[in-house]
PDB file of N, CA and C in Angstrom:
ATOM      1  N   MET A   1     -16.029 -12.158  23.909  1.00  0.00           N
ATOM      2  CA  MET A   1     -14.997 -13.350  23.581  1.00  0.00           C
ATOM      3  C   MET A   1     -14.234 -12.666  22.245  1.00  0.00           C
ATOM      4  N   SER A   2     -12.931 -12.572  22.614  1.00  0.00           N
ATOM      5  CA  SER A   2     -12.080 -12.206  21.583  1.00  0.00           C
ATOM      6  C   SER A   2     -11.111 -13.284  21.035  1.00  0.00           C
ATOM      7  N   ARG A   3     -11.615 -14.568  21.056  1.00  0.00           N
ATOM      8  CA  ARG A   3     -10.794 -15.537  20.592  1.00  0.00           C
ATOM      9  C   ARG A   3     -11.509 -16.190  19.475  1.00  0.00           C
ATOM     10  N   VAL A   4     -10.910 -16.879  18.635  1.00  0.00           N
ATOM     11  CA  VAL A   4     -11.520 -17.639  17.662  1.00  0.00           C
ATOM     12  C   VAL A   4     -12.007 -19.020  18.227  1.00  0.00           C
ATOM     13  N   LEU A   5     -13.283 -19.425  17.897  1.00  0.00           N
ATOM     14  CA  LEU A   5     -13.609 -20.740  18.413  1.00  0.00           C
ATOM     15  C   LEU A   5     -13.696 -21.655  17.106  1.00  0.00           C
ATOM     16  N   SER A   6     -12.873 -22.658  17.073  1.00  0.00           N
ATOM     17  CA  SER A   6     -12.935 -23.650  15.806  1.00  0.00           C
ATOM     18  C   SER A   6     -13.934 -24.732  16.137  1.00  0.00           C
ATOM     19  N   THR A   7     -15.117 -24.613  15.537  1.00  0.00           N
ATOM     20  CA  THR A   7     -16.197 -25.576  15.632  1.00  0.00           C
ATOM     21  C   THR A   7     -16.215 -26.453  14.698  1.00  0.00           C
ATOM     22  N   GLY A   8     -15.561 -26.507  13.373  1.00  0.00           N
ATOM     23  CA  GLY A   8     -15.700 -27.442  12.410  1.00  0.00           C
ATOM     24  C   GLY A   8     -16.987 -27.482  11.783  1.00  0.00           C
ATOM     25  N   ILE A   9     -17.823 -26.723  12.185  1.00  0.00           N
ATOM     26  CA  ILE A   9     -19.187 -26.700  11.451  1.00  0.00           C
ATOM     27  C   ILE A   9     -19.220 -25.832  10.422  1.00  0.00           C
ATOM     28  N   THR A  10     -19.714 -26.296   9.201  1.00  0.00           N
ATOM     29  CA  THR A  10     -19.701 -25.272   8.026  1.00  0.00           C
ATOM     30  C   THR A  10     -21.262 -25.431   7.390  1.00  0.00           C
ATOM     31  N   ASP A  11     -21.996 -26.362   7.949  1.00  0.00           N
ATOM     32  CA  ASP A  11     -23.435 -26.364   7.323  1.00  0.00           C
ATOM     33  C   ASP A  11     -24.241 -25.136   7.687  1.00  0.00           C
ATOM     34  N   GLU A  12     -24.530 -24.659   6.743  1.00  0.00           N
ATOM     35  CA  GLU A  12     -25.385 -23.193   6.954  1.00  0.00           C
ATOM     36  C   GLU A  12     -26.541 -23.347   7.727  1.00  0.00           C
ATOM     37  N   GLU A  13     -27.280 -24.216   7.483  1.00  0.00           N
ATOM     38  CA  GLU A  13     -28.477 -24.522   8.364  1.00  0.00           C
ATOM     39  C   GLU A  13     -28.347 -24.961   9.671  1.00  0.00           C
ATOM     40  N   GLU A  14     -27.321 -25.844  10.061  1.00  0.00           N
ATOM     41  CA  GLU A  14     -27.132 -26.195  11.408  1.00  0.00           C
ATOM     42  C   GLU A  14     -26.429 -24.819  12.069  1.00  0.00           C
ATOM     43  N   ILE A  15     -25.596 -24.080  11.619  1.00  0.00           N
ATOM     44  CA  ILE A  15     -25.207 -22.786  12.159  1.00  0.00           C
ATOM     45  C   ILE A  15     -26.275 -21.824  12.382  1.00  0.00           C
ATOM     46  N   ARG A  16     -27.251 -21.658  11.530  1.00  0.00           N
ATOM     47  CA  ARG A  16     -28.476 -20.883  11.694  1.00  0.00           C
ATOM     48  C   ARG A  16     -29.320 -21.365  12.845  1.00  0.00           C
ATOM     49  N   ARG A  17     -29.307 -22.608  13.188  1.00  0.00           N
ATOM     50  CA  ARG A  17     -30.165 -22.951  14.144  1.00  0.00           C
ATOM     51  C   ARG A  17     -29.584 -22.836  15.354  1.00  0.00           C
ATOM     52  N   ILE A  18     -28.111 -23.084  15.501  1.00  0.00           N
ATOM     53  CA  ILE A  18     -27.370 -22.860  16.690  1.00  0.00           C
ATOM     54  C   ILE A  18     -27.453 -21.330  17.110  1.00  0.00           C
ATOM     55  N   LEU A  19     -27.239 -20.409  16.113  1.00  0.00           N
ATOM     56  CA  LEU A  19     -27.408 -18.994  16.412  1.00  0.00           C
ATOM     57  C   LEU A  19     -28.850 -18.723  17.026  1.00  0.00           C
ATOM     58  N   ARG A  20     -29.793 -19.159  16.252  1.00  0.00           N
ATOM     59  CA  ARG A  20     -31.426 -18.809  16.742  1.00  0.00           C
ATOM     60  C   ARG A  20     -31.327 -19.260  18.063  1.00  0.00           C
ATOM     61  N   ASP A  21     -31.028 -20.476  18.382  1.00  0.00           N
ATOM     62  CA  ASP A  21     -31.097 -21.072  19.846  1.00  0.00           C
ATOM     63  C   ASP A  21     -30.365 -20.151  20.942  1.00  0.00           C
ATOM     64  N   GLU A  22     -29.345 -19.592  20.491  1.00  0.00           N
ATOM     65  CA  GLU A  22     -28.518 -18.802  21.304  1.00  0.00           C
ATOM     66  C   GLU A  22     -29.122 -17.188  21.438  1.00  0.00           C
ATOM     67  N   GLY A  23     -30.072 -17.072  20.613  1.00  0.00           N
ATOM     68  CA  GLY A  23     -30.772 -15.728  20.754  1.00  0.00           C
ATOM     69  C   GLY A  23     -30.328 -14.708  19.675  1.00  0.00           C
ATOM     70  N   TYR A  24     -29.567 -15.138  18.824  1.00  0.00           N
ATOM     71  CA  TYR A  24     -29.145 -14.284  17.751  1.00  0.00           C
ATOM     72  C   TYR A  24     -30.330 -13.908  16.631  1.00  0.00           C
ATOM     73  N   THR A  25     -30.187 -12.741  16.137  1.00  0.00           N
ATOM     74  CA  THR A  25     -31.456 -12.356  15.196  1.00  0.00           C
ATOM     75  C   THR A  25     -30.749 -11.785  14.029  1.00  0.00           C
ATOM     76  N   ASN A  26     -31.280 -11.305  12.969  1.00  0.00           N
ATOM     77  CA  ASN A  26     -30.902 -10.672  12.038  1.00  0.00           C
ATOM     78  C   ASN A  26     -29.786 -11.492  11.314  1.00  0.00           C
ATOM     79  N   ILE A  27     -29.883 -12.843  11.236  1.00  0.00           N
ATOM     80  CA  ILE A  27     -28.884 -13.712  10.891  1.00  0.00           C
ATOM     81  C   ILE A  27     -28.902 -13.856   9.260  1.00  0.00           C
ATOM     82  N   PHE A  28     -27.760 -13.416   8.690  1.00  0.00           N
ATOM     83  CA  PHE A  28     -27.640 -13.256   7.059  1.00  0.00           C
ATOM     84  C   PHE A  28     -26.327 -13.933   6.915  1.00  0.00           C
ATOM     85  N   ARG A  29     -26.326 -14.274   5.405  1.00  0.00           N
ATOM     86  CA  ARG A  29     -25.087 -14.781   4.816  1.00  0.00           C
ATOM     87  C   ARG A  29     -24.292 -13.625   4.108  1.00  0.00           C
ATOM     88  N   TRP A  30     -23.062 -13.473   4.130  1.00  0.00           N
ATOM     89  CA  TRP A  30     -22.252 -12.326   3.466  1.00  0.00           C
ATOM     90  C   TRP A  30     -20.965 -12.932   2.865  1.00  0.00           C
ATOM     91  N   CYS A  31     -20.651 -12.648   1.719  1.00  0.00           N
ATOM     92  CA  CYS A  31     -19.620 -13.174   0.860  1.00  0.00           C
ATOM     93  C   CYS A  31     -18.826 -11.717   0.477  1.00  0.00           C
ATOM     94  N   ASP A  32     -17.494 -11.943   0.772  1.00  0.00           N
ATOM     95  CA  ASP A  32     -16.485 -11.096   0.183  1.00  0.00           C
ATOM     96  C   ASP A  32     -15.390 -11.665  -0.798  1.00  0.00           C
ATOM     97  N   SER A  33     -15.011 -10.909  -1.725  1.00  0.00           N
ATOM     98  CA  SER A  33     -13.899 -11.241  -2.491  1.00  0.00           C
ATOM     99  C   SER A  33     -12.659 -10.938  -1.914  1.00  0.00           C
ATOM    100  N   ALA A  34     -11.666 -11.858  -2.299  1.00  0.00           N
ATOM    101  CA  ALA A  34     -10.176 -11.472  -1.842  1.00  0.00           C
ATOM    102  C   ALA A  34      -9.671 -10.169  -2.115  1.00  0.00           C
ATOM    103  N   GLY A  35      -9.110  -9.684  -1.020  1.00  0.00           N
ATOM    104  CA  GLY A  35      -8.744  -8.336  -1.092  1.00  0.00           C
ATOM    105  C   GLY A  35      -9.681  -7.242  -0.492  1.00  0.00           C
ATOM    106  N   THR A  36     -10.743  -7.660  -0.071  1.00  0.00           N
ATOM    107  CA  THR A  36     -11.798  -6.680   0.480  1.00  0.00           C
ATOM    108  C   THR A  36     -11.327  -6.193   1.916  1.00  0.00           C
ATOM    109  N   ARG A  37     -11.371  -4.949   2.121  1.00  0.00           N
ATOM    110  CA  ARG A  37     -10.918  -4.312   3.471  1.00  0.00           C
ATOM    111  C   ARG A  37     -12.133  -3.536   3.926  1.00  0.00           C
ATOM    112  N   TYR A  38     -12.416  -3.633   5.404  1.00  0.00           N
ATOM    113  CA  TYR A  38     -13.249  -2.725   6.067  1.00  0.00           C
ATOM    114  C   TYR A  38     -12.438  -2.023   6.996  1.00  0.00           C
ATOM    115  N   GLY A  39     -12.594  -0.765   7.051  1.00  0.00           N
ATOM    116  CA  GLY A  39     -11.882   0.086   7.904  1.00  0.00           C
ATOM    117  C   GLY A  39     -12.496  -0.033   9.422  1.00  0.00           C
ATOM    118  N   GLU A  40     -11.690   0.433  10.213  1.00  0.00           N
ATOM    119  CA  GLU A  40     -12.124   0.247  11.651  1.00  0.00           C
ATOM    120  C   GLU A  40     -13.461   0.850  12.000  1.00  0.00           C
ATOM    121  N   HIS A  41     -14.328   0.092  12.618  1.00  0.00           N
ATOM    122  CA  HIS A  41     -15.704   0.466  12.968  1.00  0.00           C
ATOM    123  C   HIS A  41     -16.162  -0.155  14.132  1.00  0.00           C
ATOM    124  N   THR A  42     -17.423  -0.117  14.621  1.00  0.00           N
ATOM    125  CA  THR A  42     -18.092  -0.790  15.750  1.00  0.00           C
ATOM    126  C   THR A  42     -19.483  -1.284  15.258  1.00  0.00           C
ATOM    127  N   HIS A  43     -20.051  -2.045  16.089  1.00  0.00           N
ATOM    128  CA  HIS A  43     -21.477  -2.540  15.736  1.00  0.00           C
ATOM    129  C   HIS A  43     -22.017  -2.216  17.223  1.00  0.00           C
ATOM    130  N   PRO A  44     -23.384  -1.780  17.297  1.00  0.00           N
ATOM    131  CA  PRO A  44     -24.012  -1.409  18.515  1.00  0.00           C
ATOM    132  C   PRO A  44     -24.606  -2.577  19.340  1.00  0.00           C
ATOM    133  N   HIS A  45     -24.483  -3.850  18.858  1.00  0.00           N
ATOM    134  CA  HIS A  45     -24.956  -5.037  19.422  1.00  0.00           C
ATOM    135  C   HIS A  45     -23.938  -6.060  19.570  1.00  0.00           C
ATOM    136  N   GLN A  46     -24.143  -7.135  20.290  1.00  0.00           N
ATOM    137  CA  GLN A  46     -23.165  -8.301  20.209  1.00  0.00           C
ATOM    138  C   GLN A  46     -23.237  -9.046  18.784  1.00  0.00           C
ATOM    139  N   GLU A  47     -22.213  -9.295  18.397  1.00  0.00           N
ATOM    140  CA  GLU A  47     -22.148  -9.680  16.905  1.00  0.00           C
ATOM    141  C   GLU A  47     -21.364 -10.986  16.940  1.00  0.00           C
ATOM    142  N   VAL A  48     -21.870 -11.735  15.901  1.00  0.00           N
ATOM    143  CA  VAL A  48     -21.126 -13.175  15.657  1.00  0.00           C
ATOM    144  C   VAL A  48     -20.811 -13.154  14.051  1.00  0.00           C
ATOM    145  N   ARG A  49     -19.684 -13.696  13.670  1.00  0.00           N
ATOM    146  CA  ARG A  49     -18.977 -13.938  12.339  1.00  0.00           C
ATOM    147  C   ARG A  49     -18.851 -15.450  12.444  1.00  0.00           C
ATOM    148  N   TRP A  50     -19.396 -16.282  11.531  1.00  0.00           N
ATOM    149  CA  TRP A  50     -19.126 -17.778  11.525  1.00  0.00           C
ATOM    150  C   TRP A  50     -18.883 -18.116  10.090  1.00  0.00           C
ATOM    151  N   VAL A  51     -17.556 -18.583   9.845  1.00  0.00           N
ATOM    152  CA  VAL A  51     -17.086 -18.653   8.473  1.00  0.00           C
ATOM    153  C   VAL A  51     -17.563 -19.892   7.811  1.00  0.00           C
ATOM    154  N   LEU A  52     -18.179 -19.775   6.773  1.00  0.00           N
ATOM    155  CA  LEU A  52     -18.810 -21.087   5.896  1.00  0.00           C
ATOM    156  C   LEU A  52     -17.408 -21.422   5.056  1.00  0.00           C
ATOM    157  N   SER A  53     -16.949 -20.624   4.215  1.00  0.00           N
ATOM    158  CA  SER A  53     -15.767 -21.019   3.442  1.00  0.00           C
ATOM    159  C   SER A  53     -14.790 -19.879   3.311  1.00  0.00           C
ATOM    160  N   GLY A  54     -13.640 -20.141   2.976  1.00  0.00           N
ATOM    161  CA  GLY A  54     -12.513 -19.109   2.804  1.00  0.00           C
ATOM    162  C   GLY A  54     -11.823 -18.637   4.094  1.00  0.00           C
ATOM    163  N   THR A  55     -11.439 -17.309   4.153  1.00  0.00           N
ATOM    164  CA  THR A  55     -10.605 -16.820   5.099  1.00  0.00           C
ATOM    165  C   THR A  55     -10.920 -15.435   5.534  1.00  0.00           C
ATOM    166  N   LEU A  56     -11.185 -15.074   6.642  1.00  0.00           N
ATOM    167  CA  LEU A  56     -11.510 -13.660   7.216  1.00  0.00           C
ATOM    168  C   LEU A  56     -10.589 -13.291   8.165  1.00  0.00           C
ATOM    169  N   GLU A  57     -10.066 -12.127   8.172  1.00  0.00           N
ATOM    170  CA  GLU A  57      -9.143 -11.626   9.426  1.00  0.00           C
ATOM    171  C   GLU A  57      -9.872 -10.384   9.990  1.00  0.00           C
ATOM    172  N   ILE A  58      -9.902 -10.549  11.359  1.00  0.00           N
ATOM    173  CA  ILE A  58     -10.414  -9.357  12.129  1.00  0.00           C
ATOM    174  C   ILE A  58      -9.343  -8.862  12.974  1.00  0.00           C
ATOM    175  N   ILE A  59      -9.190  -7.532  12.757  1.00  0.00           N
ATOM    176  CA  ILE A  59      -8.235  -6.917  13.731  1.00  0.00           C
ATOM    177  C   ILE A  59      -8.788  -6.049  14.722  1.00  0.00           C
ATOM    178  N   LYS A  60      -8.411  -6.566  15.906  1.00  0.00           N
ATOM    179  CA  LYS A  60      -8.915  -5.854  17.208  1.00  0.00           C
ATOM    180  C   LYS A  60      -7.694  -5.462  18.034  1.00  0.00           C
ATOM    181  N   GLY A  61      -7.761  -4.355  18.545  1.00  0.00           N
ATOM    182  CA  GLY A  61      -6.821  -3.984  19.544  1.00  0.00           C
ATOM    183  C   GLY A  61      -5.319  -4.275  19.123  1.00  0.00           C
ATOM    184  N   GLY A  62      -5.101  -4.183  17.916  1.00  0.00           N
ATOM    185  CA  GLY A  62      -3.641  -4.484  17.214  1.00  0.00           C
ATOM    186  C   GLY A  62      -3.546  -6.059  17.022  1.00  0.00           C
ATOM    187  N   MET A  63      -4.285  -6.667  17.160  1.00  0.00           N
ATOM    188  CA  MET A  63      -4.264  -8.339  17.277  1.00  0.00           C
ATOM    189  C   MET A  63      -5.141  -8.839  16.006  1.00  0.00           C
ATOM    190  N   THR A  64      -4.566  -9.681  15.213  1.00  0.00           N
ATOM    191  CA  THR A  64      -5.108 -10.032  14.063  1.00  0.00           C
ATOM    192  C   THR A  64      -5.653 -11.506  14.435  1.00  0.00           C
ATOM    193  N   LEU A  65      -7.071 -11.715  14.325  1.00  0.00           N
ATOM    194  CA  LEU A  65      -7.674 -12.802  14.461  1.00  0.00           C
ATOM    195  C   LEU A  65      -8.100 -13.633  13.003  1.00  0.00           C
ATOM    196  N   ARG A  66      -7.522 -14.597  12.756  1.00  0.00           N
ATOM    197  CA  ARG A  66      -7.615 -15.289  11.441  1.00  0.00           C
ATOM    198  C   ARG A  66      -8.738 -16.470  11.627  1.00  0.00           C
ATOM    199  N   LEU A  67      -9.757 -16.072  10.813  1.00  0.00           N
ATOM    200  CA  LEU A  67     -10.890 -17.100  10.862  1.00  0.00           C
ATOM    201  C   LEU A  67     -10.999 -17.928   9.509  1.00  0.00           C
ATOM    202  N   LYS A  68     -11.106 -19.366   9.722  1.00  0.00           N
ATOM    203  CA  LYS A  68     -11.205 -20.276   8.339  1.00  0.00           C
ATOM    204  C   LYS A  68     -12.479 -20.961   8.359  1.00  0.00           C
ATOM    205  N   SER A  69     -12.931 -21.779   7.683  1.00  0.00           N
ATOM    206  CA  SER A  69     -14.041 -22.521   7.499  1.00  0.00           C
ATOM    207  C   SER A  69     -14.165 -23.197   8.857  1.00  0.00           C
ATOM    208  N   GLY A  70     -15.374 -23.003   9.412  1.00  0.00           N
ATOM    209  CA  GLY A  70     -16.022 -23.557  10.557  1.00  0.00           C
ATOM    210  C   GLY A  70     -15.388 -23.021  11.876  1.00  0.00           C
ATOM    211  N   ASP A  71     -14.917 -21.832  11.698  1.00  0.00           N
ATOM    212  CA  ASP A  71     -14.308 -20.718  12.804  1.00  0.00           C
ATOM    213  C   ASP A  71     -15.571 -19.898  13.017  1.00  0.00           C
ATOM    214  N   ARG A  72     -15.527 -19.493  14.540  1.00  0.00           N
ATOM    215  CA  ARG A  72     -16.572 -18.437  14.904  1.00  0.00           C
ATOM    216  C   ARG A  72     -15.906 -17.347  15.722  1.00  0.00           C
ATOM    217  N   LEU A  73     -16.487 -16.146  15.662  1.00  0.00           N
ATOM    218  CA  LEU A  73     -15.843 -15.079  16.444  1.00  0.00           C
ATOM    219  C   LEU A  73     -17.168 -14.294  17.012  1.00  0.00           C
ATOM    220  N   ASP A  74     -17.059 -14.227  18.370  1.00  0.00           N
ATOM    221  CA  ASP A  74     -18.277 -13.325  18.906  1.00  0.00           C
ATOM    222  C   ASP A  74     -17.412 -12.107  19.349  1.00  0.00           C
ATOM    223  N   SER A  75     -18.170 -10.922  19.061  1.00  0.00           N
ATOM    224  CA  SER A  75     -17.792  -9.541  19.334  1.00  0.00           C
ATOM    225  C   SER A  75     -18.745  -8.969  20.303  1.00  0.00           C
ATOM    226  N   ALA A  76     -18.168  -8.134  21.468  1.00  0.00           N
ATOM    227  CA  ALA A  76     -19.144  -7.406  22.360  1.00  0.00           C
ATOM    228  C   ALA A  76     -19.503  -6.262  21.545  1.00  0.00           C
ATOM    229  N   PRO A  77     -20.448  -5.443  22.083  1.00  0.00           N
ATOM    230  CA  PRO A  77     -21.090  -4.334  21.374  1.00  0.00           C
ATOM    231  C   PRO A  77     -19.978  -3.249  21.368  1.00  0.00           C
ATOM    232  N   ASP A  78     -19.773  -2.277  20.543  1.00  0.00           N
ATOM    233  CA  ASP A  78     -19.047  -1.239  20.413  1.00  0.00           C
ATOM    234  C   ASP A  78     -17.659  -1.479  20.473  1.00  0.00           C
ATOM    235  N   THR A  79     -17.078  -2.695  20.207  1.00  0.00           N
ATOM    236  CA  THR A  79     -15.786  -3.078  19.949  1.00  0.00           C
ATOM    237  C   THR A  79     -15.191  -2.680  18.689  1.00  0.00           C
ATOM    238  N   PRO A  80     -14.092  -1.705  18.762  1.00  0.00           N
ATOM    239  CA  PRO A  80     -13.605  -1.230  17.583  1.00  0.00           C
ATOM    240  C   PRO A  80     -12.810  -2.358  16.835  1.00  0.00           C
ATOM    241  N   HIS A  81     -12.880  -2.547  15.578  1.00  0.00           N
ATOM    242  CA  HIS A  81     -12.291  -3.551  14.899  1.00  0.00           C
ATOM    243  C   HIS A  81     -12.281  -3.079  13.316  1.00  0.00           C
ATOM    244  N   SER A  82     -11.457  -3.805  12.438  1.00  0.00           N
ATOM    245  CA  SER A  82     -11.351  -3.519  11.142  1.00  0.00           C
ATOM    246  C   SER A  82     -11.377  -5.175  10.612  1.00  0.00           C
ATOM    247  N   ALA A  83     -11.312  -5.278   9.286  1.00  0.00           N
ATOM    248  CA  ALA A  83     -11.366  -6.647   8.596  1.00  0.00           C
ATOM    249  C   ALA A  83     -10.566  -6.687   7.457  1.00  0.00           C
ATOM    250  N   TYR A  84      -9.974  -7.652   6.863  1.00  0.00           N
ATOM    251  CA  TYR A  84      -9.403  -8.023   5.679  1.00  0.00           C
ATOM    252  C   TYR A  84      -9.723  -9.455   5.312  1.00  0.00           C
ATOM    253  N   VAL A  85      -9.921  -9.460   4.127  1.00  0.00           N
ATOM    254  CA  VAL A  85     -10.274 -10.987   3.341  1.00  0.00           C
ATOM    255  C   VAL A  85      -9.207 -11.381   2.431  1.00  0.00           C
ATOM    256  N   PRO A  86      -8.351 -12.110   2.968  1.00  0.00           N
ATOM    257  CA  PRO A  86      -7.105 -12.565   2.148  1.00  0.00           C
ATOM    258  C   PRO A  86      -7.582 -13.503   0.922  1.00  0.00           C
ATOM    259  N   GLU A  87      -8.793 -14.242   1.117  1.00  0.00           N
ATOM    260  CA  GLU A  87      -9.133 -15.353   0.342  1.00  0.00           C
ATOM    261  C   GLU A  87     -10.690 -15.092   0.050  1.00  0.00           C
ATOM    262  N   ASP A  88     -11.357 -15.411  -0.883  1.00  0.00           N
ATOM    263  CA  ASP A  88     -12.862 -15.301  -1.116  1.00  0.00           C
ATOM    264  C   ASP A  88     -13.536 -15.944   0.078  1.00  0.00           C
ATOM    265  N   CYS A  89     -14.366 -15.368   0.687  1.00  0.00           N
ATOM    266  CA  CYS A  89     -14.937 -15.810   1.980  1.00  0.00           C
ATOM    267  C   CYS A  89     -16.475 -15.580   2.127  1.00  0.00           C
ATOM    268  N   CYS A  90     -17.172 -16.555   2.361  1.00  0.00           N
ATOM    269  CA  CYS A  90     -18.529 -16.534   2.814  1.00  0.00           C
ATOM    270  C   CYS A  90     -18.781 -16.873   4.404  1.00  0.00           C
ATOM    271  N   TYR A  91     -19.624 -15.960   5.111  1.00  0.00           N
ATOM    272  CA  TYR A  91     -19.852 -16.254   6.457  1.00  0.00           C
ATOM    273  C   TYR A  91     -21.293 -15.695   6.898  1.00  0.00           C
ATOM    274  N   LEU A  92     -21.508 -16.342   8.138  1.00  0.00           N
ATOM    275  CA  LEU A  92     -22.827 -15.837   8.608  1.00  0.00           C
ATOM    276  C   LEU A  92     -22.829 -14.846   9.582  1.00  0.00           C
ATOM    277  N   CYS A  93     -23.603 -13.733   9.533  1.00  0.00           N
ATOM    278  CA  CYS A  93     -23.463 -12.747  10.739  1.00  0.00           C
ATOM    279  C   CYS A  93     -24.652 -12.808  11.474  1.00  0.00           C
ATOM    280  N   GLY A  94     -24.718 -12.437  12.820  1.00  0.00           N
ATOM    281  CA  GLY A  94     -25.842 -12.359  13.289  1.00  0.00           C
ATOM    282  C   GLY A  94     -25.671 -11.335  14.644  1.00  0.00           C
ATOM    283  N   SER A  95     -26.726 -10.880  15.259  1.00  0.00           N
ATOM    284  CA  SER A  95     -26.704  -9.661  16.242  1.00  0.00           C
ATOM    285  C   SER A  95     -27.770 -10.218  17.383  1.00  0.00           C
ATOM    286  N   LYS A  96     -27.372  -9.712  18.627  1.00  0.00           N
ATOM    287  CA  LYS A  96     -28.191  -9.873  19.667  1.00  0.00           C
ATOM    288  C   LYS A  96     -28.004  -8.760  20.794  1.00  0.00           C
TER     289      LYS A  96
END
């Protein structure tokens, strides 16, 4: 999936339950300060990012996907992407 899913869900425990039910493991909370950048990289597993607060931008294939509170993005394994944090942001990450 390369589109942002606007769920409206920001409750951390509810999101963790949903992700566990979907088979995600290694679920953890990550927070970045405004201005943080991650250069292009890949992950070996299916990955999810679900924003709890703030804003996160994921750049894939020249397209910028902007995630805000309650938004979710699933990424296939080995998908090149980079990231930028325009506003302090906390999100949950998971793999499967």
